[in-house]
Protein backbone atom coordinates (compact mmCIF):
# COMPACT_ATOMS: atom_id res chain seq x y z
CA UNK A 1 68.44 155.70 27.03
CA UNK A 2 67.85 157.98 24.05
CA UNK A 3 65.31 157.04 21.45
CA UNK A 4 66.67 156.56 17.93
CA UNK A 5 64.28 159.31 16.82
CA UNK A 6 66.25 161.79 18.96
CA UNK A 7 69.69 160.91 17.60
CA UNK A 8 71.17 163.59 15.39
CA UNK A 9 74.06 162.54 13.19
CA UNK A 10 76.26 165.33 11.92
CA UNK A 11 79.13 164.84 9.50
CA UNK A 12 82.63 165.65 10.67
CA UNK A 13 84.26 168.20 8.42
CA UNK A 14 88.03 168.31 8.04
CA UNK A 15 90.13 171.16 6.73
CA UNK A 16 92.92 170.58 4.19
CA UNK A 17 95.42 170.93 7.08
CA UNK A 18 93.55 168.24 9.02
CA UNK A 19 93.80 165.86 6.07
CA UNK A 20 97.48 166.60 5.58
CA UNK A 21 98.19 165.84 9.23
CA UNK A 22 96.06 162.67 9.14
CA UNK A 23 97.89 161.22 6.14
CA UNK A 24 101.32 162.36 7.38
CA UNK A 25 100.75 160.53 10.67
CA UNK A 26 99.34 157.49 8.88
CA UNK A 27 102.37 157.30 6.60
CA UNK A 28 104.92 158.06 9.32
CA UNK A 29 103.48 157.27 12.77
CA UNK A 30 105.40 158.34 15.87
CA UNK A 31 107.06 155.73 18.07
CA UNK A 32 104.72 154.38 20.75
CA UNK A 33 105.13 155.87 24.21
CA UNK A 34 105.77 153.71 27.27
CA UNK A 35 102.16 154.30 28.28
CA UNK A 36 100.93 152.96 24.92
CA UNK A 37 103.26 149.96 25.15
CA UNK A 38 101.91 149.18 28.63
CA UNK A 39 98.33 149.56 27.40
CA UNK A 40 98.99 147.13 24.54
CA UNK A 41 100.49 144.58 26.95
CA UNK A 42 97.52 144.94 29.30
CA UNK A 43 95.11 144.46 26.41
CA UNK A 44 97.01 141.39 25.21
CA UNK A 45 96.85 139.85 28.69
CA UNK A 46 93.10 140.50 28.89
CA UNK A 47 92.52 138.94 25.46
CA UNK A 48 94.78 135.95 26.19
CA UNK A 49 93.02 135.29 29.51
CA UNK A 50 89.62 135.58 27.84
CA UNK A 51 90.69 133.04 25.20
CA UNK A 52 91.66 130.57 27.93
CA UNK A 53 88.27 131.02 29.64
CA UNK A 54 86.48 130.23 26.36
CA UNK A 55 88.33 126.98 25.63
CA UNK A 56 86.39 123.74 25.99
């Protein structure tokens, strides 16, 4: 495990084109793919099952 003294944090720099793409996708996101829909369902099942395990 790395010591905190050895961690180097560098800022991420974005070009104007990067920002334009980011905000365009944020404002008009693409439709989710079948793979993303399946991942969301899997996540929901995991969370729902975990909630049941935590009930008293």
